[in-house]
N, C-alpha and C. Protein backbone atom coordinates (compact mmCIF):
# COMPACT_ATOMS: atom_id res chain seq x y z
N MET A 1 251.81 -66.58 -98.23
CA MET A 1 251.50 -67.62 -97.27
C MET A 1 252.78 -68.35 -96.91
N GLY A 2 252.84 -68.79 -95.68
CA GLY A 2 254.02 -69.50 -95.22
C GLY A 2 253.89 -69.83 -93.75
N ALA A 3 255.03 -69.91 -93.09
CA ALA A 3 255.06 -70.32 -91.69
C ALA A 3 254.26 -69.37 -90.80
N GLY A 4 254.37 -68.08 -91.06
CA GLY A 4 253.62 -67.11 -90.25
C GLY A 4 252.12 -67.27 -90.41
N ASP A 5 251.69 -67.50 -91.62
CA ASP A 5 250.25 -67.71 -91.86
C ASP A 5 249.78 -68.99 -91.17
N ALA A 6 250.59 -70.04 -91.24
CA ALA A 6 250.23 -71.30 -90.57
C ALA A 6 250.15 -71.09 -89.06
N PHE A 7 251.13 -70.35 -88.52
CA PHE A 7 251.14 -70.05 -87.09
C PHE A 7 249.88 -69.29 -86.69
N HIS A 8 249.57 -68.22 -87.43
CA HIS A 8 248.42 -67.39 -87.07
C HIS A 8 247.10 -68.13 -87.21
N GLY A 9 246.98 -68.94 -88.25
CA GLY A 9 245.76 -69.72 -88.42
C GLY A 9 245.56 -70.71 -87.29
N ALA A 10 246.64 -71.39 -86.91
CA ALA A 10 246.55 -72.34 -85.80
C ALA A 10 246.28 -71.62 -84.49
N PHE A 11 246.87 -70.45 -84.32
CA PHE A 11 246.65 -69.68 -83.10
C PHE A 11 245.18 -69.29 -82.96
N CYS A 12 244.59 -68.84 -84.05
CA CYS A 12 243.15 -68.50 -84.04
C CYS A 12 242.31 -69.73 -83.71
N SER A 13 242.67 -70.86 -84.28
CA SER A 13 241.96 -72.10 -83.99
C SER A 13 242.06 -72.45 -82.50
N GLY A 14 243.25 -72.26 -81.95
CA GLY A 14 243.44 -72.52 -80.52
C GLY A 14 242.61 -71.60 -79.66
N LEU A 15 242.49 -70.33 -80.05
CA LEU A 15 241.65 -69.40 -79.30
C LEU A 15 240.19 -69.82 -79.34
N ILE A 16 239.73 -70.18 -80.51
CA ILE A 16 238.34 -70.62 -80.67
C ILE A 16 238.06 -71.85 -79.82
N ASN A 17 239.04 -72.75 -79.75
CA ASN A 17 238.88 -73.99 -79.00
C ASN A 17 239.31 -73.86 -77.54
N GLN A 18 239.58 -72.64 -77.10
CA GLN A 18 239.89 -72.30 -75.72
C GLN A 18 241.07 -73.08 -75.15
N LEU A 19 242.13 -73.23 -75.96
CA LEU A 19 243.34 -73.85 -75.45
C LEU A 19 244.02 -72.90 -74.48
N SER A 20 244.79 -73.47 -73.56
CA SER A 20 245.59 -72.63 -72.69
C SER A 20 246.62 -71.91 -73.55
N PHE A 21 247.19 -70.84 -73.03
CA PHE A 21 248.18 -70.09 -73.80
C PHE A 21 249.34 -70.99 -74.19
N ARG A 22 249.83 -71.80 -73.25
CA ARG A 22 250.96 -72.69 -73.51
C ARG A 22 250.63 -73.68 -74.62
N ASP A 23 249.49 -74.35 -74.50
CA ASP A 23 249.11 -75.34 -75.52
C ASP A 23 248.88 -74.68 -76.87
N ASN A 24 248.34 -73.47 -76.85
CA ASN A 24 248.11 -72.76 -78.10
C ASN A 24 249.44 -72.40 -78.77
N MET A 25 250.42 -72.00 -77.98
CA MET A 25 251.73 -71.68 -78.54
C MET A 25 252.40 -72.93 -79.11
N LEU A 26 252.25 -74.07 -78.42
CA LEU A 26 252.82 -75.32 -78.94
C LEU A 26 252.15 -75.71 -80.26
N LEU A 27 250.83 -75.62 -80.30
CA LEU A 27 250.08 -75.94 -81.51
C LEU A 27 250.50 -75.03 -82.67
N SER A 28 250.53 -73.75 -82.40
CA SER A 28 250.85 -72.77 -83.44
C SER A 28 252.28 -72.92 -83.94
N SER A 29 253.20 -73.15 -83.02
CA SER A 29 254.60 -73.35 -83.40
C SER A 29 254.77 -74.60 -84.24
N ALA A 30 254.05 -75.65 -83.90
CA ALA A 30 254.12 -76.88 -84.68
C ALA A 30 253.61 -76.65 -86.10
N ALA A 31 252.52 -75.93 -86.23
CA ALA A 31 251.97 -75.64 -87.56
C ALA A 31 252.97 -74.86 -88.39
N GLY A 32 253.61 -73.86 -87.79
CA GLY A 32 254.62 -73.09 -88.50
C GLY A 32 255.83 -73.93 -88.88
N ALA A 33 256.24 -74.80 -87.98
CA ALA A 33 257.40 -75.66 -88.25
C ALA A 33 257.14 -76.62 -89.41
N ILE A 34 255.95 -77.18 -89.44
CA ILE A 34 255.60 -78.10 -90.53
C ILE A 34 255.68 -77.37 -91.87
N CYS A 35 255.22 -76.15 -91.89
CA CYS A 35 255.21 -75.36 -93.12
C CYS A 35 256.62 -75.13 -93.65
N CYS A 36 257.62 -75.16 -92.76
CA CYS A 36 259.02 -74.92 -93.17
C CYS A 36 259.71 -76.19 -93.67
N GLN A 37 259.03 -77.32 -93.65
CA GLN A 37 259.67 -78.58 -94.02
C GLN A 37 259.65 -78.87 -95.51
N GLY A 38 258.98 -78.05 -96.27
CA GLY A 38 258.91 -78.31 -97.70
C GLY A 38 259.01 -77.02 -98.50
N LEU A 39 258.96 -77.16 -99.80
CA LEU A 39 259.01 -76.01 -100.69
C LEU A 39 257.61 -75.59 -101.09
N GLY A 40 257.40 -74.31 -101.15
CA GLY A 40 256.08 -73.80 -101.54
C GLY A 40 255.25 -73.50 -100.31
N ALA A 41 254.58 -72.39 -100.35
CA ALA A 41 253.81 -71.96 -99.18
C ALA A 41 252.50 -72.71 -99.03
N ARG A 42 251.69 -72.70 -100.05
CA ARG A 42 250.38 -73.35 -99.94
C ARG A 42 250.48 -74.86 -99.86
N GLU A 43 251.45 -75.41 -100.57
CA GLU A 43 251.59 -76.86 -100.60
C GLU A 43 251.96 -77.43 -99.23
N THR A 44 252.59 -76.61 -98.39
CA THR A 44 253.04 -77.12 -97.09
C THR A 44 252.16 -76.70 -95.92
N LEU A 45 251.08 -75.97 -96.18
CA LEU A 45 250.17 -75.62 -95.08
C LEU A 45 249.54 -76.89 -94.53
N PRO A 46 249.72 -77.16 -93.23
CA PRO A 46 249.20 -78.41 -92.66
C PRO A 46 247.74 -78.30 -92.25
N ASP A 47 247.07 -79.44 -92.22
CA ASP A 47 245.74 -79.49 -91.62
C ASP A 47 245.90 -79.91 -90.16
N MET A 48 244.83 -79.88 -89.40
CA MET A 48 244.92 -80.15 -87.97
C MET A 48 245.39 -81.58 -87.67
N THR A 49 245.00 -82.53 -88.48
CA THR A 49 245.46 -83.91 -88.28
C THR A 49 246.97 -84.00 -88.42
N THR A 50 247.52 -83.34 -89.42
CA THR A 50 248.96 -83.33 -89.63
C THR A 50 249.68 -82.69 -88.45
N VAL A 51 249.14 -81.59 -87.95
CA VAL A 51 249.75 -80.91 -86.81
C VAL A 51 249.71 -81.80 -85.57
N MET A 52 248.58 -82.43 -85.31
CA MET A 52 248.46 -83.28 -84.12
C MET A 52 249.38 -84.49 -84.22
N ASN A 53 249.51 -85.08 -85.40
CA ASN A 53 250.42 -86.20 -85.57
C ASN A 53 251.87 -85.76 -85.38
N PHE A 54 252.21 -84.59 -85.88
CA PHE A 54 253.55 -84.04 -85.70
C PHE A 54 253.85 -83.83 -84.22
N MET A 55 252.89 -83.25 -83.50
CA MET A 55 253.09 -82.97 -82.08
C MET A 55 253.21 -84.26 -81.27
N ALA A 56 252.50 -85.29 -81.67
CA ALA A 56 252.55 -86.56 -80.93
C ALA A 56 253.94 -87.16 -80.98
N GLY A 57 254.69 -86.88 -82.03
CA GLY A 57 256.03 -87.43 -82.17
C GLY A 57 257.12 -86.56 -81.56
N GLN A 58 256.75 -85.46 -80.91
CA GLN A 58 257.73 -84.55 -80.33
C GLN A 58 257.68 -84.62 -78.80
N PRO A 59 258.85 -84.46 -78.16
CA PRO A 59 258.83 -84.42 -76.69
C PRO A 59 258.15 -83.14 -76.20
N LYS A 60 257.43 -83.24 -75.11
CA LYS A 60 256.81 -82.05 -74.53
C LYS A 60 257.88 -81.23 -73.83
N PRO A 61 257.97 -79.95 -74.12
CA PRO A 61 258.99 -79.14 -73.47
C PRO A 61 258.66 -78.92 -71.99
N GLU A 62 259.71 -78.83 -71.20
CA GLU A 62 259.53 -78.53 -69.79
C GLU A 62 259.32 -77.03 -69.63
N ILE A 63 258.58 -76.66 -68.63
CA ILE A 63 258.39 -75.26 -68.34
C ILE A 63 259.38 -74.87 -67.24
N ARG A 64 260.19 -73.89 -67.54
CA ARG A 64 261.15 -73.40 -66.56
C ARG A 64 260.74 -72.00 -66.13
N ARG A 65 260.70 -71.80 -64.88
CA ARG A 65 260.36 -70.47 -64.34
C ARG A 65 261.65 -69.67 -64.20
N LEU A 66 261.59 -68.42 -64.59
CA LEU A 66 262.77 -67.55 -64.48
C LEU A 66 262.83 -66.89 -63.14
C-alpha cells in the first residue's frame, strides 16, 4: 500500500460519484500526494475529509490547451 493505492482508491471513489475526469484526477493526485507526506503506507492513507481539506489549501491549476 502506498501512493498508488491511495490514488486508485480515490479514483474509484470519483468514478462512483461521477466526478469529471479533471476533478477526479485532482482528487486522486491529492490522495496520492498526502500518502507521500509521512512514513508507512497504511498510516498515511488519507480519508476523504483529509483529502478535501488538503485540496482546499491548494491553488486550482489552470487548464492549458496544447
